[in-house]
Amino acid sequence: MTAQSGFPAIVFCYLTTVFRSAVGLVGVLNGSVELPCLHHQLPGPIEEIDVYWQMKKEPNPLVVAVALHGKVDPTHVSEIFRGRSHLNPNGLHAGNFNLRLNNLSLHDRGTYQCIILWSPSFTSNISETTVELEVTAEFSIPVVETPSVRNLQHGQELTLNCTSKGGLEEPRIAWINAHDGKEVPDGHIHQYVLWDGDLINVTSTITLNMTSNISIQCVIITRNGNLTSLTWKVEAREKETSGPGVLAVSLITGGLVAVLLAVVVVRWRRMHRFPSYEAPTTQMSDLQRG
C-alpha cells in the first residue's frame, strides 16, 4: 500500500467522531478557494494535534494536506495537489486549519474531509468537517464583431457576430435593442457551439437590414447570471433617390446654367468685335468716275 493511499486509511481505522459539519462551496476554474476547518477548543497543545485533509476518491482517498504535531508536512500529499494546497502555519495554534486550493481545475470537484486528531492516543477524532466543492467556469464577456461597415447603403443587410468563450454549459444568447431594451426576434439569428476540451465556446450571428440606425447588445444568459457586451452602434445612410422631384430640379438647374453660359458668350463677342472698314468719300467718287 502506498503512502498516499494508505495514510488516510490508517486514520479511518481509528475514528471516534466528536464533532461533524458539512459545507458547500463553489470555486471558479483557474481561481482559488478556501475550504473551512476551524476548531478553537483543542484538547491539548498544538504539538499533540494532527490534521488531515483528504479528497474522497475510489478506490482510495487522495491526501490533500497534512499537519503533524502542529507543523505542516507535505510528505504525504498526492501529486495532483502538490504546490496547490496550503495550510497556514501561523493559524494552526489558533485552531485554524482552513485549506486553500489554488489554480483550480475541473478535476478538483468533489468531497473533501478535514479530520483533526489528538495524537497522544491516536484514537480520539475531535473534529471532522466535510466540504462539497463545485468548480465552475465562467464565460468571457461577449464581444460583438462585424465585417467592414464602410459604404453601407440604406437597405443593405449587415451581419454581426457575438463570441464568448470558456463556459461549461451551453448558454442562451440574446440580442437586445439598446434603444428600447427589447429582445430582437430570432428570425435571422443562428447560434454555434465549439467544444474546447471540457469547455465550450459559443458564437451567435444576427443579420439586420440597414433601414435605420442600429444600437444593439449581445447577452450571454447562464444559470450564474448574464454577461452583456458593449453596445454596438452604426448609422444608416439615407438612400439616394432619382424620383420626379429630383429630375425636375436637375432640369431647372441645367437650364439656368445654359442661359448663363449663353449670356457670357454674347458679351464676350461684343467686347472683342473687329471694327468694319469704310473708304473715304473722295476715294469712292474717284472710283465711280473711273
Protein backbone atom coordinates (compact mmCIF):
# COMPACT_ATOMS: atom_id res chain seq x y z
CA MET A 1 0.00 0.00 0.00
CA THR A 2 1.44 3.40 -0.99
CA ALA A 3 1.90 6.25 1.43
CA GLN A 4 -0.61 8.36 -0.47
CA SER A 5 -3.46 5.87 -0.29
CA GLY A 6 -2.56 4.11 2.98
CA PHE A 7 -2.09 7.19 5.13
CA PRO A 8 -5.76 8.20 5.22
CA ALA A 9 -6.85 4.58 5.53
CA ILE A 10 -4.99 4.32 8.85
CA VAL A 11 -6.84 7.40 10.03
CA PHE A 12 -10.22 5.87 9.21
CA CYS A 13 -9.40 2.73 11.20
CA TYR A 14 -9.32 4.66 14.48
CA LEU A 15 -12.12 7.20 14.25
CA THR A 16 -14.10 8.24 17.26
CA THR A 17 -16.00 11.23 15.94
CA VAL A 18 -16.86 14.04 18.33
CA PHE A 19 -17.93 16.89 16.02
CA ARG A 20 -19.10 16.87 12.39
CA SER A 21 -20.06 19.65 9.99
CA ALA A 22 -20.75 19.99 6.27
CA VAL A 23 -20.19 22.92 3.92
CA GLY A 24 -20.83 23.54 0.21
CA LEU A 25 -18.55 25.81 -1.83
CA VAL A 26 -18.22 26.88 -5.44
CA GLY A 27 -14.87 27.77 -6.98
CA VAL A 28 -14.00 29.20 -10.38
CA LEU A 29 -11.79 27.42 -12.88
CA ASN A 30 -8.12 28.55 -12.56
CA GLY A 31 -9.05 30.53 -9.45
CA SER A 32 -8.59 29.87 -5.72
CA VAL A 33 -10.90 28.78 -2.93
CA GLU A 34 -10.57 28.34 0.84
CA LEU A 35 -12.18 25.28 2.43
CA PRO A 36 -13.10 25.90 6.08
CA CYS A 37 -11.95 23.79 9.01
CA LEU A 38 -11.97 25.55 12.39
CA HIS A 39 -11.70 24.10 15.89
CA HIS A 40 -10.83 26.69 18.52
CA GLN A 41 -11.20 24.43 21.60
CA LEU A 42 -8.35 21.98 21.19
CA PRO A 43 -7.95 19.33 23.93
CA GLY A 44 -4.19 19.86 24.15
CA PRO A 45 -1.30 21.90 22.79
CA ILE A 46 -0.89 22.13 19.02
CA GLU A 47 2.11 19.78 19.22
CA GLU A 48 -0.36 16.99 20.12
CA ILE A 49 -2.70 17.70 17.21
CA ASP A 50 -2.65 16.09 13.75
CA VAL A 51 -4.74 17.39 10.85
CA TYR A 52 -5.55 15.53 7.64
CA TRP A 53 -7.26 16.94 4.57
CA GLN A 54 -8.32 14.32 2.06
CA MET A 55 -10.50 14.08 -1.03
CA LYS A 56 -12.86 11.17 -1.40
CA LYS A 57 -11.93 9.02 -4.39
CA GLU A 58 -12.40 5.40 -5.32
CA PRO A 59 -10.78 3.08 -4.50
CA ASN A 60 -8.67 5.20 -2.09
CA PRO A 61 -8.92 8.83 -0.96
CA LEU A 62 -6.32 11.38 -2.04
CA VAL A 63 -4.25 13.23 0.55
CA VAL A 64 -4.62 16.96 0.04
CA ALA A 65 -2.77 18.47 3.03
CA VAL A 66 -1.30 17.30 6.34
CA ALA A 67 -0.16 18.90 9.59
CA LEU A 68 1.61 16.57 12.05
CA HIS A 69 2.27 17.64 15.64
CA GLY A 70 1.38 21.23 14.78
CA LYS A 71 3.62 21.51 11.71
CA VAL A 72 2.69 21.39 8.03
CA ASP A 73 4.07 18.20 6.44
CA PRO A 74 3.89 17.96 2.61
CA THR A 75 5.44 14.47 2.52
CA HIS A 76 2.20 12.52 2.07
CA VAL A 77 0.37 14.95 -0.24
CA SER A 78 -0.88 13.42 -3.50
CA GLU A 79 0.87 14.52 -6.66
CA ILE A 80 -2.08 16.38 -8.18
CA PHE A 81 -2.32 18.67 -5.12
CA ARG A 82 1.37 19.38 -4.54
CA GLY A 83 2.13 23.06 -4.82
CA ARG A 84 -1.59 23.91 -4.94
CA SER A 85 -2.82 23.03 -1.43
CA HIS A 86 -1.79 25.14 1.55
CA LEU A 87 -2.37 25.22 5.30
CA ASN A 88 -1.49 28.42 7.14
CA PRO A 89 1.26 27.53 9.65
CA ASN A 90 0.56 30.70 11.65
CA GLY A 91 -3.09 29.79 12.07
CA LEU A 92 -2.62 26.28 13.44
CA HIS A 93 -2.10 27.41 17.05
CA ALA A 94 -5.47 29.21 16.92
CA GLY A 95 -7.29 26.14 15.59
CA ASN A 96 -7.47 27.47 12.03
CA PHE A 97 -6.95 24.51 9.70
CA ASN A 98 -8.54 26.04 6.62
CA LEU A 99 -7.31 24.62 3.32
CA ARG A 100 -6.51 26.90 0.40
CA LEU A 101 -6.58 25.40 -3.11
CA ASN A 102 -5.04 27.38 -5.95
CA ASN A 103 -5.24 27.05 -9.73
CA LEU A 104 -8.48 25.08 -9.57
CA SER A 105 -9.20 22.50 -12.26
CA LEU A 106 -12.40 20.69 -13.09
CA HIS A 107 -10.88 17.56 -11.54
CA ASP A 108 -10.93 19.28 -8.14
CA ARG A 109 -14.70 18.91 -7.93
CA GLY A 110 -15.71 16.51 -5.17
CA THR A 111 -15.97 15.83 -1.43
CA TYR A 112 -13.20 16.93 0.95
CA GLN A 113 -12.76 15.98 4.60
CA CYS A 114 -10.80 17.75 7.32
CA ILE A 115 -10.02 15.31 10.16
CA ILE A 116 -8.50 16.59 13.41
CA LEU A 117 -6.91 14.01 15.72
CA TRP A 118 -5.50 14.24 19.23
CA SER A 119 -2.27 12.34 18.91
CA PRO A 120 -1.47 11.09 22.45
CA SER A 121 -3.81 8.11 21.99
CA PHE A 122 -4.25 8.43 18.17
CA THR A 123 -7.80 7.22 18.74
CA SER A 124 -9.58 10.47 19.52
CA ASN A 125 -11.04 12.20 16.49
CA ILE A 126 -12.10 15.53 17.91
CA SER A 127 -13.46 17.07 14.71
CA GLU A 128 -14.43 16.18 11.15
CA THR A 129 -15.54 18.75 8.55
CA THR A 130 -16.90 17.76 5.15
CA VAL A 131 -16.80 20.22 2.25
CA GLU A 132 -18.52 19.70 -1.09
CA LEU A 133 -16.58 21.62 -3.72
CA GLU A 134 -18.04 22.51 -7.09
CA VAL A 135 -15.80 24.06 -9.74
CA THR A 136 -17.44 26.15 -12.41
CA ALA A 137 -16.16 28.05 -15.43
CA GLU A 138 -17.44 31.48 -16.36
CA PHE A 139 -17.92 32.62 -19.92
CA SER A 140 -15.89 35.58 -21.06
CA ILE A 141 -17.55 38.95 -21.66
CA PRO A 142 -19.16 38.66 -25.11
CA VAL A 143 -17.60 40.63 -27.95
CA VAL A 144 -19.54 41.88 -30.96
CA GLU A 145 -17.67 41.99 -34.26
CA THR A 146 -18.63 42.67 -37.86
CA PRO A 147 -17.03 42.85 -41.28
CA SER A 148 -16.11 46.30 -42.56
CA VAL A 149 -19.05 48.68 -42.34
CA ARG A 150 -17.74 51.25 -44.78
CA ASN A 151 -20.02 52.43 -47.55
CA LEU A 152 -23.10 50.76 -46.07
CA GLN A 153 -26.14 51.79 -48.06
CA HIS A 154 -29.74 52.16 -46.95
CA GLY A 155 -31.49 48.78 -47.03
CA GLN A 156 -28.26 46.76 -47.16
CA GLU A 157 -28.01 43.63 -44.97
CA LEU A 158 -25.44 43.61 -42.16
CA THR A 159 -24.25 40.53 -40.22
CA LEU A 160 -22.94 40.79 -36.65
CA ASN A 161 -21.04 38.07 -34.73
CA CYS A 162 -21.13 37.69 -30.92
CA THR A 163 -18.47 35.43 -29.34
CA SER A 164 -17.94 34.22 -25.76
CA LYS A 165 -15.52 31.54 -24.51
CA GLY A 166 -14.78 29.20 -21.64
CA GLY A 167 -18.10 28.01 -20.20
CA LEU A 168 -19.24 24.59 -19.04
CA GLU A 169 -22.86 24.56 -20.17
CA GLU A 170 -24.34 25.85 -23.40
CA PRO A 171 -25.99 29.21 -22.67
CA ARG A 172 -28.73 31.07 -24.47
CA ILE A 173 -27.58 34.10 -26.45
CA ALA A 174 -29.94 37.03 -26.89
CA TRP A 175 -29.63 40.21 -28.94
CA ILE A 176 -31.10 43.31 -27.28
CA ASN A 177 -32.16 46.54 -28.95
CA ALA A 178 -30.39 49.12 -26.81
CA HIS A 179 -32.94 51.81 -27.76
CA ASP A 180 -35.91 50.13 -26.08
CA GLY A 181 -34.35 47.17 -24.19
CA LYS A 182 -36.41 44.64 -26.13
CA GLU A 183 -35.06 41.36 -27.47
CA VAL A 184 -34.57 41.20 -31.22
CA PRO A 185 -36.71 38.46 -32.85
CA ASP A 186 -34.64 35.39 -33.68
CA GLY A 187 -35.73 35.05 -37.30
CA HIS A 188 -32.24 35.91 -38.53
CA ILE A 189 -30.22 34.63 -35.54
CA HIS A 190 -28.03 31.50 -35.54
CA GLN A 191 -26.06 30.02 -32.62
CA TYR A 192 -22.98 27.79 -32.85
CA VAL A 193 -21.11 25.77 -30.19
CA LEU A 194 -17.46 24.70 -30.34
CA TRP A 195 -16.04 22.34 -27.69
CA ASP A 196 -12.54 23.02 -26.35
CA GLY A 197 -11.81 20.05 -24.10
CA ASP A 198 -14.29 20.25 -21.20
CA LEU A 199 -15.12 23.86 -22.03
CA ILE A 200 -17.25 25.34 -24.77
CA ASN A 201 -17.07 28.47 -26.89
CA VAL A 202 -20.25 29.95 -28.34
CA THR A 203 -20.95 32.25 -31.29
CA SER A 204 -24.20 33.85 -32.36
CA THR A 205 -24.78 35.66 -35.66
CA ILE A 206 -27.55 38.08 -36.49
CA THR A 207 -28.46 39.60 -39.86
CA LEU A 208 -30.02 43.06 -39.86
CA ASN A 209 -31.45 45.26 -42.59
CA MET A 210 -29.95 48.74 -42.55
CA THR A 211 -33.20 50.72 -42.77
CA SER A 212 -32.49 52.72 -39.62
CA ASN A 213 -29.73 53.41 -37.10
CA ILE A 214 -28.61 50.33 -35.14
CA SER A 215 -27.81 50.20 -31.42
CA ILE A 216 -27.59 46.60 -30.20
CA GLN A 217 -26.12 44.43 -27.41
CA CYS A 218 -25.33 40.72 -27.14
CA VAL A 219 -26.24 38.96 -23.86
CA ILE A 220 -24.94 35.55 -22.67
CA ILE A 221 -27.60 34.04 -20.38
CA THR A 222 -26.38 31.37 -17.90
CA ARG A 223 -27.51 29.84 -14.61
CA ASN A 224 -24.99 32.00 -12.74
CA GLY A 225 -26.09 35.28 -14.31
CA ASN A 226 -25.92 37.26 -17.53
CA LEU A 227 -22.96 38.74 -19.36
CA THR A 228 -23.56 41.73 -21.65
CA SER A 229 -21.38 43.07 -24.44
CA LEU A 230 -20.66 46.71 -25.11
CA THR A 231 -23.28 48.50 -27.19
CA TRP A 232 -22.58 48.26 -30.92
CA LYS A 233 -23.78 51.23 -32.98
CA VAL A 234 -23.89 52.12 -36.67
CA GLU A 235 -25.81 54.79 -38.59
CA ALA A 236 -27.75 54.00 -41.75
CA ARG A 237 -27.08 56.25 -44.74
CA GLU A 238 -30.01 57.85 -46.47
CA LYS A 239 -30.97 56.14 -49.69
CA GLU A 240 -30.11 58.06 -52.84
CA THR A 241 -33.23 58.58 -54.99
CA SER A 242 -33.88 59.76 -58.59
CA GLY A 243 -37.63 60.45 -58.49
CA PRO A 244 -39.60 63.13 -60.43
CA GLY A 245 -38.77 65.85 -57.92
CA VAL A 246 -35.06 65.27 -58.22
CA LEU A 247 -35.31 65.11 -62.02
CA ALA A 248 -37.21 68.42 -62.19
CA VAL A 249 -34.64 70.16 -60.03
CA SER A 250 -31.87 68.80 -62.24
CA LEU A 251 -33.56 70.06 -65.43
CA ILE A 252 -34.15 73.53 -64.00
CA THR A 253 -30.60 73.77 -62.78
CA GLY A 254 -29.26 72.66 -66.15
CA GLY A 255 -31.41 75.23 -67.97
CA LEU A 256 -30.20 78.08 -65.80
CA VAL A 257 -26.60 77.10 -66.38
CA ALA A 258 -27.17 77.01 -70.16
CA VAL A 259 -28.73 80.51 -70.17
CA LEU A 260 -25.91 81.88 -68.10
CA LEU A 261 -23.32 80.46 -70.49
CA ALA A 262 -25.15 81.96 -73.49
CA VAL A 263 -25.14 85.42 -71.91
CA VAL A 264 -21.45 85.17 -71.19
CA VAL A 265 -20.67 84.17 -74.79
CA VAL A 266 -22.70 87.06 -76.28
CA ARG A 267 -20.99 89.60 -74.05
CA TRP A 268 -17.59 88.25 -74.89
CA ARG A 269 -18.25 88.51 -78.62
CA ARG A 270 -19.40 92.11 -78.31
CA MET A 271 -16.32 93.08 -76.41
CA HIS A 272 -14.00 91.51 -78.99
CA ARG A 273 -15.79 92.51 -82.24
CA PHE A 274 -13.38 93.83 -85.06
CA PRO A 275 -14.27 97.36 -86.49
CA SER A 276 -15.59 97.43 -90.15
CA TYR A 277 -13.60 99.41 -92.82
CA GLU A 278 -15.31 102.28 -94.80
CA ALA A 279 -13.50 104.01 -97.71
CA PRO A 280 -13.29 107.85 -97.67
CA THR A 281 -15.89 109.73 -99.74
CA THR A 282 -13.32 111.18 -102.15
CA GLN A 283 -11.96 107.73 -102.92
CA MET A 284 -15.43 106.49 -103.63
CA SER A 285 -16.00 109.39 -106.11
CA ASP A 286 -12.77 108.69 -107.95
CA LEU A 287 -13.61 105.09 -108.26
CA GLN A 288 -17.02 105.87 -109.67
CA ARG A 289 -15.56 108.24 -112.31
CA GLY A 290 -13.00 105.79 -113.40
